[in-house]
């Protein structure tokens, strides 16, 4: 059986996957992504759901935004976040299914 090489032939895809996986590998960032899921969620909702300080959440949101995992939009005095890539949503869904029995 031949080994599929199409993904390893595309260096930019490998690097993008590695950056995304590294940025979501922190437990708190995984929690944030599970809260955000496929919807727009404001910082206050994330803080309430995750249960840590706003400054701590903001630091992790900045990392996820910087790595392109989350997108942000400002509406009045609130910032809303959403997952910026359908593949990341798919990955979160698979993690929920595998580790939480939740699909």
N, C-alpha and C. Protein backbone atom coordinates (compact mmCIF):
# COMPACT_ATOMS: atom_id res chain seq x y z
N UNK A 1 0.85 -1.18 0.00
CA UNK A 1 0.00 0.00 0.00
C UNK A 1 0.89 1.24 0.00
N UNK A 2 0.73 2.14 -0.97
CA UNK A 2 1.59 3.32 -1.03
C UNK A 2 1.24 4.32 0.08
N UNK A 3 2.26 5.01 0.53
CA UNK A 3 2.09 6.03 1.56
C UNK A 3 1.65 7.32 0.87
N UNK A 4 0.51 7.92 1.33
CA UNK A 4 0.07 9.18 0.71
C UNK A 4 1.05 10.30 1.04
N UNK A 5 1.53 10.98 0.03
CA UNK A 5 2.51 12.04 0.24
C UNK A 5 1.97 13.42 -0.11
N UNK A 6 0.71 13.48 -0.54
CA UNK A 6 0.20 14.77 -1.00
C UNK A 6 0.28 15.85 0.06
N UNK A 7 0.00 15.52 1.32
CA UNK A 7 0.05 16.55 2.36
C UNK A 7 1.48 16.95 2.69
N UNK A 8 2.40 15.99 2.72
CA UNK A 8 3.77 16.36 3.06
C UNK A 8 4.48 17.06 1.92
N UNK A 9 3.91 16.99 0.73
CA UNK A 9 4.47 17.72 -0.40
C UNK A 9 4.11 19.21 -0.33
N UNK A 10 3.16 19.55 0.47
CA UNK A 10 2.70 20.94 0.58
C UNK A 10 3.18 21.51 1.90
N UNK A 11 4.40 22.02 1.90
CA UNK A 11 5.05 22.49 3.12
C UNK A 11 4.23 23.55 3.84
N UNK A 12 3.58 24.45 3.08
CA UNK A 12 2.80 25.51 3.73
C UNK A 12 1.63 24.93 4.51
N UNK A 13 1.04 23.82 4.06
CA UNK A 13 -0.06 23.19 4.78
C UNK A 13 0.45 22.57 6.09
N UNK A 14 1.60 21.95 6.02
CA UNK A 14 2.19 21.35 7.21
C UNK A 14 2.50 22.44 8.25
N UNK A 15 3.09 23.54 7.79
CA UNK A 15 3.44 24.63 8.71
C UNK A 15 2.20 25.27 9.31
N UNK A 16 1.15 25.44 8.50
CA UNK A 16 -0.09 26.02 9.00
C UNK A 16 -0.72 25.09 10.04
N UNK A 17 -0.73 23.80 9.77
CA UNK A 17 -1.29 22.83 10.72
C UNK A 17 -0.50 22.84 12.03
N UNK A 18 0.83 22.89 11.92
CA UNK A 18 1.67 22.90 13.12
C UNK A 18 1.42 24.15 13.96
N UNK A 19 1.29 25.31 13.30
CA UNK A 19 1.02 26.56 14.04
C UNK A 19 -0.33 26.49 14.76
N UNK A 20 -1.34 25.99 14.04
CA UNK A 20 -2.67 25.90 14.64
C UNK A 20 -2.67 24.94 15.82
N UNK A 21 -2.07 23.78 15.65
CA UNK A 21 -2.04 22.79 16.73
C UNK A 21 -1.27 23.31 17.94
N UNK A 22 -0.16 23.98 17.70
CA UNK A 22 0.63 24.53 18.80
C UNK A 22 -0.18 25.59 19.56
N UNK A 23 -0.88 26.44 18.82
CA UNK A 23 -1.62 27.52 19.48
C UNK A 23 -2.81 27.02 20.28
N UNK A 24 -3.39 25.88 19.91
CA UNK A 24 -4.55 25.39 20.65
C UNK A 24 -4.18 24.32 21.68
N UNK A 25 -2.89 24.05 21.82
CA UNK A 25 -2.49 22.95 22.69
C UNK A 25 -2.59 23.26 24.19
N UNK A 26 -2.80 24.50 24.56
CA UNK A 26 -2.94 24.88 25.97
C UNK A 26 -4.36 24.54 26.44
N UNK A 27 -4.51 23.94 27.63
CA UNK A 27 -5.85 23.55 28.10
C UNK A 27 -6.87 24.70 28.12
N UNK A 28 -6.44 25.88 28.54
CA UNK A 28 -7.37 27.01 28.59
C UNK A 28 -7.81 27.44 27.18
N UNK A 29 -6.88 27.40 26.24
CA UNK A 29 -7.23 27.77 24.87
C UNK A 29 -8.17 26.74 24.27
N UNK A 30 -8.00 25.47 24.60
CA UNK A 30 -8.94 24.45 24.15
C UNK A 30 -10.34 24.71 24.71
N UNK A 31 -10.40 25.08 25.99
CA UNK A 31 -11.69 25.42 26.60
C UNK A 31 -12.34 26.59 25.87
N UNK A 32 -11.53 27.61 25.58
CA UNK A 32 -12.05 28.79 24.88
C UNK A 32 -12.64 28.37 23.53
N UNK A 33 -11.91 27.55 22.79
CA UNK A 33 -12.39 27.13 21.48
C UNK A 33 -13.65 26.28 21.57
N UNK A 34 -13.75 25.48 22.61
CA UNK A 34 -14.97 24.70 22.81
C UNK A 34 -16.16 25.61 23.12
N UNK A 35 -15.92 26.68 23.86
CA UNK A 35 -16.98 27.65 24.16
C UNK A 35 -17.39 28.39 22.90
N UNK A 36 -16.42 28.84 22.14
CA UNK A 36 -16.72 29.62 20.94
C UNK A 36 -17.40 28.75 19.89
N UNK A 37 -16.83 27.58 19.63
CA UNK A 37 -17.44 26.68 18.64
C UNK A 37 -17.68 27.39 17.33
N UNK A 38 -18.88 27.24 16.80
CA UNK A 38 -19.20 27.81 15.48
C UNK A 38 -20.04 29.08 15.58
N UNK A 39 -19.93 29.79 16.69
CA UNK A 39 -20.73 31.00 16.88
C UNK A 39 -19.86 32.20 17.23
N UNK A 40 -20.45 33.38 17.20
CA UNK A 40 -19.78 34.60 17.66
C UNK A 40 -20.04 34.73 19.15
N UNK A 41 -18.98 34.85 19.93
CA UNK A 41 -19.11 34.91 21.38
C UNK A 41 -18.29 36.09 21.89
N UNK A 42 -18.88 36.87 22.80
CA UNK A 42 -18.16 38.01 23.35
C UNK A 42 -17.28 37.56 24.52
N UNK A 43 -16.33 38.40 24.85
CA UNK A 43 -15.34 38.08 25.88
C UNK A 43 -16.03 37.75 27.20
N UNK A 44 -17.05 38.52 27.56
CA UNK A 44 -17.74 38.29 28.84
C UNK A 44 -18.36 36.90 28.90
N UNK A 45 -18.90 36.43 27.77
CA UNK A 45 -19.48 35.08 27.74
C UNK A 45 -18.40 34.03 27.91
N UNK A 46 -17.25 34.26 27.31
CA UNK A 46 -16.14 33.31 27.44
C UNK A 46 -15.65 33.26 28.88
N UNK A 47 -15.49 34.44 29.50
CA UNK A 47 -15.05 34.51 30.89
C UNK A 47 -16.03 33.74 31.78
N UNK A 48 -17.33 33.95 31.60
CA UNK A 48 -18.33 33.26 32.41
C UNK A 48 -18.28 31.75 32.23
N UNK A 49 -18.13 31.31 30.99
CA UNK A 49 -18.15 29.88 30.69
C UNK A 49 -16.87 29.18 31.16
N UNK A 50 -15.72 29.85 31.02
CA UNK A 50 -14.44 29.22 31.33
C UNK A 50 -14.09 29.36 32.81
N UNK A 51 -14.48 30.49 33.40
CA UNK A 51 -14.30 30.66 34.84
C UNK A 51 -12.92 31.10 35.28
N UNK A 52 -12.33 32.02 34.54
CA UNK A 52 -11.07 32.62 34.96
C UNK A 52 -11.16 34.12 34.71
N UNK A 53 -10.10 34.84 35.01
CA UNK A 53 -10.17 36.30 34.90
C UNK A 53 -10.21 36.77 33.45
N UNK A 54 -10.76 37.95 33.27
CA UNK A 54 -10.84 38.53 31.93
C UNK A 54 -9.45 38.78 31.36
N UNK A 55 -8.51 39.21 32.21
CA UNK A 55 -7.16 39.48 31.70
C UNK A 55 -6.49 38.19 31.22
N UNK A 56 -6.71 37.10 31.93
CA UNK A 56 -6.16 35.80 31.52
C UNK A 56 -6.77 35.36 30.19
N UNK A 57 -8.09 35.47 30.09
CA UNK A 57 -8.78 35.11 28.84
C UNK A 57 -8.26 35.98 27.70
N UNK A 58 -8.12 37.27 27.94
CA UNK A 58 -7.67 38.19 26.89
C UNK A 58 -6.28 37.82 26.37
N UNK A 59 -5.40 37.40 27.25
CA UNK A 59 -4.06 36.98 26.82
C UNK A 59 -4.15 35.78 25.87
N UNK A 60 -4.98 34.82 26.22
CA UNK A 60 -5.11 33.62 25.39
C UNK A 60 -5.86 33.92 24.09
N UNK A 61 -6.84 34.81 24.15
CA UNK A 61 -7.53 35.21 22.93
C UNK A 61 -6.56 35.89 21.97
N UNK A 62 -5.65 36.69 22.50
CA UNK A 62 -4.66 37.37 21.66
C UNK A 62 -3.77 36.36 20.93
N UNK A 63 -3.38 35.32 21.62
CA UNK A 63 -2.55 34.27 20.99
C UNK A 63 -3.33 33.58 19.89
N UNK A 64 -4.57 33.22 20.17
CA UNK A 64 -5.40 32.54 19.16
C UNK A 64 -5.67 33.44 17.97
N UNK A 65 -5.84 34.71 18.22
CA UNK A 65 -6.06 35.67 17.13
C UNK A 65 -4.78 35.85 16.31
N UNK A 66 -3.67 35.99 16.99
CA UNK A 66 -2.37 36.18 16.32
C UNK A 66 -2.03 35.00 15.40
N UNK A 67 -2.40 33.81 15.80
CA UNK A 67 -2.11 32.61 15.01
C UNK A 67 -3.17 32.34 13.95
N UNK A 68 -4.19 33.19 13.89
CA UNK A 68 -5.22 33.04 12.87
C UNK A 68 -6.28 32.01 13.18
N UNK A 69 -6.31 31.55 14.43
CA UNK A 69 -7.32 30.55 14.82
C UNK A 69 -8.66 31.23 15.06
N UNK A 70 -8.62 32.41 15.69
CA UNK A 70 -9.85 33.16 15.96
C UNK A 70 -9.85 34.46 15.17
N UNK A 71 -11.05 34.87 14.79
CA UNK A 71 -11.26 36.18 14.19
C UNK A 71 -12.03 37.01 15.20
N UNK A 72 -11.80 38.32 15.20
CA UNK A 72 -12.48 39.21 16.13
C UNK A 72 -13.20 40.31 15.37
N UNK A 73 -14.34 40.71 15.93
CA UNK A 73 -15.04 41.89 15.39
C UNK A 73 -15.55 42.68 16.57
N UNK A 74 -15.50 44.00 16.43
CA UNK A 74 -15.95 44.88 17.51
C UNK A 74 -17.33 45.41 17.16
N UNK A 75 -18.19 45.38 18.14
CA UNK A 75 -19.55 45.90 17.99
C UNK A 75 -19.85 46.72 19.24
N UNK A 76 -19.96 48.03 19.06
CA UNK A 76 -20.11 48.96 20.18
C UNK A 76 -18.92 48.78 21.12
N UNK A 77 -19.17 48.43 22.39
CA UNK A 77 -18.07 48.28 23.33
C UNK A 77 -17.72 46.81 23.60
N UNK A 78 -18.18 45.91 22.75
CA UNK A 78 -17.90 44.48 22.92
C UNK A 78 -17.10 43.94 21.75
N UNK A 79 -16.24 42.98 22.05
CA UNK A 79 -15.49 42.28 21.01
C UNK A 79 -16.03 40.87 20.94
N UNK A 80 -16.36 40.44 19.74
CA UNK A 80 -16.88 39.09 19.51
C UNK A 80 -15.83 38.27 18.77
N UNK A 81 -15.71 37.02 19.17
CA UNK A 81 -14.73 36.12 18.57
C UNK A 81 -15.45 34.96 17.91
N UNK A 82 -14.83 34.46 16.85
CA UNK A 82 -15.31 33.24 16.21
C UNK A 82 -14.12 32.52 15.62
N UNK A 83 -14.28 31.21 15.44
CA UNK A 83 -13.22 30.41 14.83
C UNK A 83 -13.14 30.80 13.37
N UNK A 84 -11.93 31.07 12.90
CA UNK A 84 -11.73 31.62 11.57
C UNK A 84 -11.57 30.60 10.46
N UNK A 85 -11.50 29.33 10.78
CA UNK A 85 -11.22 28.31 9.77
C UNK A 85 -12.12 27.09 10.01
N UNK A 86 -12.80 26.67 8.97
CA UNK A 86 -13.71 25.52 9.08
C UNK A 86 -12.96 24.25 9.51
N UNK A 87 -11.70 24.14 9.12
CA UNK A 87 -10.91 22.96 9.51
C UNK A 87 -10.69 22.92 11.01
N UNK A 88 -10.52 24.09 11.62
CA UNK A 88 -10.35 24.15 13.08
C UNK A 88 -11.65 23.73 13.76
N UNK A 89 -12.78 24.17 13.22
CA UNK A 89 -14.08 23.75 13.77
C UNK A 89 -14.23 22.23 13.67
N UNK A 90 -13.80 21.68 12.56
CA UNK A 90 -13.87 20.23 12.37
C UNK A 90 -12.99 19.52 13.40
N UNK A 91 -11.80 20.06 13.64
CA UNK A 91 -10.89 19.49 14.62
C UNK A 91 -11.48 19.56 16.03
N UNK A 92 -12.08 20.69 16.39
CA UNK A 92 -12.71 20.83 17.70
C UNK A 92 -13.85 19.82 17.84
N UNK A 93 -14.64 19.68 16.78
CA UNK A 93 -15.72 18.69 16.81
C UNK A 93 -15.22 17.28 17.02
N UNK A 94 -14.13 16.94 16.36
CA UNK A 94 -13.56 15.60 16.53
C UNK A 94 -13.01 15.42 17.94
N UNK A 95 -12.38 16.46 18.50
CA UNK A 95 -11.86 16.36 19.86
C UNK A 95 -13.00 16.16 20.85
N UNK A 96 -14.08 16.89 20.66
CA UNK A 96 -15.24 16.72 21.55
C UNK A 96 -15.75 15.29 21.48
N UNK A 97 -15.87 14.79 20.28
CA UNK A 97 -16.39 13.42 20.07
C UNK A 97 -15.47 12.38 20.70
N UNK A 98 -14.17 12.51 20.47
CA UNK A 98 -13.21 11.52 20.94
C UNK A 98 -13.00 11.62 22.45
N UNK A 99 -12.83 12.84 22.98
CA UNK A 99 -12.47 12.98 24.38
C UNK A 99 -13.65 13.21 25.31
N UNK A 100 -14.75 13.73 24.79
CA UNK A 100 -15.88 14.07 25.65
C UNK A 100 -17.13 13.24 25.37
N UNK A 101 -17.12 12.46 24.31
CA UNK A 101 -18.31 11.71 23.93
C UNK A 101 -19.42 12.65 23.49
N UNK A 102 -19.06 13.85 23.04
CA UNK A 102 -20.02 14.90 22.68
C UNK A 102 -19.81 15.22 21.21
N UNK A 103 -20.88 15.17 20.43
CA UNK A 103 -20.72 15.52 19.01
C UNK A 103 -21.54 16.63 18.59
